[in-house]
Amino acid sequence: MFSFEGFDRRKEEDRIRSEGRLPPGQSLTVKFPVLHYGPVPPFNPATWDLRVWGEVEEEKRWTWDEFNKLPRTSMKMDIHCVTRWSKVDTTWEGVSVKTLVDSGLIKIKPSATHVMQHAEYGFTVNLPLEVVLQENFMLATHLDGEPITPDHGYPLRGMVGFIPAQKDLETPYLWKGAKWLRSLEFMPRDKRGFWEQAGYHNRANVWREERFG
């Protein structure tokens, strides 16, 4: 049985499972494994920007300074990786797409049904619009009070997780939030992203074990 500084992983895993917070096929971890395709990109705050485009009334482009002045939110979530590990009670801080839409900073056309996250090196991840507008999806800059580390997506990543108090929200696996995010494309129809084209499930619901297509 694994223990770390008095932490009994198996006992904690049993507790989380009994609370209905551990999806099928998942195991609890106290670490945050690093999994991604390709190298960690460099970050230059003087040239970085985030673009919002596609099925929107007006294309937006925020510099790093401008992005950090947008309305911010904080959310405690459990996160679940398709490789079968789960990490609970992680606190993420960043910008909610739902808040940007509700405040009129992004005006979505009625034709929009899906969103593609475009990241560095051409990496892409697709999500239905309704999931992007849920409270458990955000454009995250911080984890547990500290900036996200470069290998976890600094300066900005899409983040999607499970909020125990809001079990009605759809929860995809963690890969559905792109690291090193650079733009959001609002689309009139679905289009598969990088891992979805490689055979991963298009919807990726953790409670249905939608790992592969």
Protein backbone atom coordinates (compact mmCIF):
# COMPACT_ATOMS: atom_id res chain seq x y z
CA MET A 1 0.00 0.00 0.00
CA PHE A 2 1.46 3.35 -1.04
CA SER A 3 1.81 6.13 1.51
CA PHE A 4 3.45 9.55 1.21
CA GLU A 5 3.99 11.85 4.21
CA GLY A 6 1.17 10.15 6.07
CA PHE A 7 -1.08 10.05 3.00
CA ASP A 8 -2.67 6.65 2.39
CA ARG A 9 -3.44 6.64 -1.33
CA ARG A 10 -5.63 3.56 -1.33
CA LYS A 11 -7.71 4.75 1.61
CA GLU A 12 -8.17 8.13 -0.04
CA GLU A 13 -9.05 6.45 -3.33
CA ASP A 14 -11.75 4.41 -1.57
CA ARG A 15 -13.14 7.61 -0.02
CA ILE A 16 -13.25 9.45 -3.35
CA ARG A 17 -14.89 6.46 -5.02
CA SER A 18 -17.52 6.22 -2.26
CA GLU A 19 -18.37 9.88 -2.91
CA GLY A 20 -19.05 9.10 -6.57
CA ARG A 21 -16.05 11.13 -7.73
CA LEU A 22 -13.86 8.43 -9.30
CA PRO A 23 -14.97 7.44 -12.84
CA PRO A 24 -14.78 3.81 -14.02
CA GLY A 25 -11.27 2.55 -14.73
CA GLN A 26 -9.52 5.43 -12.94
CA SER A 27 -6.93 5.35 -10.12
CA LEU A 28 -6.12 8.18 -7.74
CA THR A 29 -2.74 9.92 -7.85
CA VAL A 30 -1.18 12.58 -5.65
CA LYS A 31 1.21 13.55 -8.44
CA PHE A 32 0.48 15.41 -11.70
CA PRO A 33 1.92 13.26 -14.51
CA VAL A 34 3.25 15.09 -17.57
CA LEU A 35 1.82 13.81 -20.85
CA HIS A 36 1.90 15.64 -24.15
CA TYR A 37 2.94 15.32 -27.78
CA GLY A 38 5.98 17.28 -28.94
CA PRO A 39 8.34 19.72 -27.16
CA VAL A 40 7.47 22.44 -24.66
CA PRO A 41 7.20 25.70 -26.66
CA PRO A 42 8.94 28.93 -25.62
CA PHE A 43 6.87 31.84 -24.33
CA ASN A 44 7.49 35.50 -25.16
CA PRO A 45 4.94 37.77 -23.42
CA ALA A 46 5.79 40.61 -25.83
CA THR A 47 4.60 38.65 -28.88
CA TRP A 48 2.06 36.21 -27.41
CA ASP A 49 -1.63 36.74 -28.06
CA LEU A 50 -4.91 34.82 -27.88
CA ARG A 51 -7.20 34.96 -30.88
CA VAL A 52 -10.97 34.32 -30.89
CA TRP A 53 -12.40 33.85 -34.37
CA GLY A 54 -14.81 31.95 -36.59
CA GLU A 55 -18.54 32.10 -35.90
CA VAL A 56 -18.36 35.26 -33.77
CA GLU A 57 -19.71 38.73 -34.45
CA GLU A 58 -16.27 40.27 -34.05
CA GLU A 59 -12.85 38.64 -34.02
CA LYS A 60 -10.91 39.30 -30.82
CA ARG A 61 -7.19 39.29 -30.15
CA TRP A 62 -5.77 39.85 -26.67
CA THR A 63 -2.12 40.38 -25.79
CA TRP A 64 -0.77 38.71 -22.65
CA ASP A 65 -1.23 41.91 -20.64
CA GLU A 66 -4.76 42.40 -21.99
CA PHE A 67 -5.71 38.79 -21.32
CA ASN A 68 -4.66 39.10 -17.68
CA LYS A 69 -7.02 42.06 -17.27
CA LEU A 70 -10.07 40.02 -18.32
CA PRO A 71 -12.57 38.91 -15.63
CA ARG A 72 -11.03 36.03 -13.70
CA THR A 73 -12.48 33.03 -11.93
CA SER A 74 -11.29 30.26 -9.65
CA MET A 75 -12.64 26.72 -9.56
CA LYS A 76 -11.84 23.57 -7.56
CA MET A 77 -12.14 20.49 -9.77
CA ASP A 78 -11.18 16.83 -10.01
CA ILE A 79 -9.29 16.03 -13.21
CA HIS A 80 -9.26 12.71 -15.06
CA CYS A 81 -6.72 11.61 -17.65
CA VAL A 82 -7.50 9.07 -20.36
CA THR A 83 -4.37 7.18 -19.26
CA ARG A 84 -6.37 6.18 -16.15
CA TRP A 85 -5.10 8.52 -13.42
CA SER A 86 -7.24 11.01 -11.53
CA LYS A 87 -6.22 13.94 -9.32
CA VAL A 88 -8.78 15.50 -6.99
CA ASP A 89 -9.36 18.91 -5.42
CA THR A 90 -7.15 20.86 -7.82
CA THR A 91 -7.82 24.61 -7.79
CA TRP A 92 -7.55 26.33 -11.16
CA GLU A 93 -7.59 30.04 -11.86
CA GLY A 94 -8.12 31.73 -15.18
CA VAL A 95 -10.77 33.09 -17.52
CA SER A 96 -14.15 31.46 -18.07
CA VAL A 97 -15.42 31.44 -21.66
CA LYS A 98 -18.96 31.48 -20.24
CA THR A 99 -18.14 34.72 -18.40
CA LEU A 100 -16.70 36.29 -21.55
CA VAL A 101 -19.88 35.41 -23.45
CA ASP A 102 -22.24 36.48 -20.65
CA SER A 103 -20.46 39.83 -20.37
CA GLY A 104 -20.57 40.43 -24.13
CA LEU A 105 -16.79 40.33 -24.60
CA ILE A 106 -17.36 37.44 -27.02
CA LYS A 107 -20.52 37.48 -29.13
CA ILE A 108 -21.21 34.08 -30.64
CA LYS A 109 -23.23 33.73 -33.83
CA PRO A 110 -26.27 31.42 -33.68
CA SER A 111 -24.55 29.21 -36.26
CA ALA A 112 -21.80 28.16 -33.83
CA THR A 113 -22.06 24.58 -32.54
CA HIS A 114 -18.46 23.59 -31.69
CA VAL A 115 -15.15 25.11 -30.65
CA MET A 116 -11.65 24.15 -31.78
CA GLN A 117 -8.79 24.93 -29.42
CA HIS A 118 -5.69 25.77 -31.46
CA ALA A 119 -2.39 25.43 -29.60
CA GLU A 120 1.31 25.83 -30.37
CA TYR A 121 2.80 23.68 -33.17
CA GLY A 122 -0.62 23.29 -34.81
CA PHE A 123 -2.08 21.04 -32.10
CA THR A 124 -5.90 21.07 -31.99
CA VAL A 125 -8.68 19.87 -29.67
CA ASN A 126 -12.41 20.03 -30.41
CA LEU A 127 -15.33 20.38 -27.99
CA PRO A 128 -19.06 20.96 -28.34
CA LEU A 129 -19.98 24.59 -27.69
CA GLU A 130 -22.22 23.64 -24.76
CA VAL A 131 -19.27 22.06 -22.95
CA VAL A 132 -17.03 25.09 -23.54
CA LEU A 133 -19.76 27.26 -22.01
CA GLN A 134 -20.03 25.13 -18.87
CA GLU A 135 -18.57 26.33 -15.57
CA ASN A 136 -16.09 23.41 -15.53
CA PHE A 137 -14.21 24.66 -18.61
CA MET A 138 -11.79 27.57 -18.37
CA LEU A 139 -8.74 29.16 -19.94
CA ALA A 140 -6.37 28.50 -17.07
CA THR A 141 -3.21 30.34 -16.04
CA HIS A 142 -2.74 29.11 -12.45
CA LEU A 143 -2.92 25.84 -10.51
CA ASP A 144 -3.21 25.86 -6.71
CA GLY A 145 -2.15 29.49 -6.52
CA GLU A 146 0.91 29.24 -8.75
CA PRO A 147 1.38 29.84 -12.50
CA ILE A 148 1.03 26.64 -14.50
CA THR A 149 4.45 25.13 -15.15
CA PRO A 150 5.75 25.09 -18.75
CA ASP A 151 5.30 21.31 -19.10
CA HIS A 152 1.67 21.61 -18.01
CA GLY A 153 0.82 24.31 -20.55
CA TYR A 154 2.21 27.69 -19.40
CA PRO A 155 1.17 30.39 -20.02
CA LEU A 156 -2.37 29.28 -20.93
CA ARG A 157 -4.22 26.01 -21.28
CA GLY A 158 -7.75 24.85 -21.70
CA MET A 159 -8.85 23.12 -18.51
CA VAL A 160 -11.84 20.88 -18.04
CA GLY A 161 -12.68 18.91 -14.92
CA PHE A 162 -15.33 17.57 -12.60
CA ILE A 163 -17.03 19.79 -10.03
CA PRO A 164 -18.44 17.44 -7.34
CA ALA A 165 -21.23 19.85 -6.44
CA GLN A 166 -22.35 20.12 -10.08
CA LYS A 167 -22.61 16.53 -11.25
CA ASP A 168 -24.97 17.50 -14.07
CA LEU A 169 -22.12 19.12 -16.02
CA GLU A 170 -20.56 16.96 -18.72
CA THR A 171 -16.97 16.04 -17.87
CA PRO A 172 -14.54 15.05 -20.65
CA TYR A 173 -11.10 13.55 -20.12
CA LEU A 174 -8.27 15.98 -19.50
CA TRP A 175 -6.89 15.90 -23.05
CA LYS A 176 -9.94 17.92 -24.11
CA GLY A 177 -8.23 21.00 -22.66
CA ALA A 178 -5.31 22.03 -24.88
CA LYS A 179 -1.94 23.03 -23.41
CA TRP A 180 -0.17 26.16 -24.74
CA LEU A 181 -3.43 27.55 -26.10
CA ARG A 182 -3.28 30.28 -28.76
CA SER A 183 -6.76 30.57 -30.26
CA LEU A 184 -10.40 29.54 -30.03
CA GLU A 185 -12.22 28.90 -33.30
CA PHE A 186 -16.00 28.88 -33.05
CA MET A 187 -17.26 26.51 -35.76
CA PRO A 188 -20.62 25.88 -37.49
CA ARG A 189 -20.00 22.11 -37.40
CA ASP A 190 -17.81 19.60 -35.64
CA LYS A 191 -14.26 18.92 -36.78
CA ARG A 192 -11.96 16.43 -35.09
CA GLY A 193 -8.79 17.57 -33.36
CA PHE A 194 -5.33 15.96 -33.25
CA TRP A 195 -6.00 13.05 -30.90
CA GLU A 196 -9.54 12.56 -32.18
CA GLN A 197 -8.14 12.03 -35.68
CA ALA A 198 -5.71 9.51 -34.17
CA GLY A 199 -8.57 7.37 -32.82
CA TYR A 200 -9.46 8.89 -29.47
CA HIS A 201 -13.15 9.28 -28.68
CA ASN A 202 -14.72 12.45 -30.07
CA ARG A 203 -16.88 13.21 -27.00
CA ALA A 204 -14.63 11.69 -24.28
CA ASN A 205 -17.11 11.54 -21.39
CA VAL A 206 -15.25 10.22 -18.32
CA TRP A 207 -18.31 8.56 -16.75
CA ARG A 208 -19.02 6.56 -19.91
CA GLU A 209 -15.34 5.61 -20.36
CA GLU A 210 -15.33 7.15 -23.82
CA ARG A 211 -11.58 6.72 -24.29
CA PHE A 212 -11.35 5.58 -27.90
CA GLY A 213 -13.63 5.87 -30.91
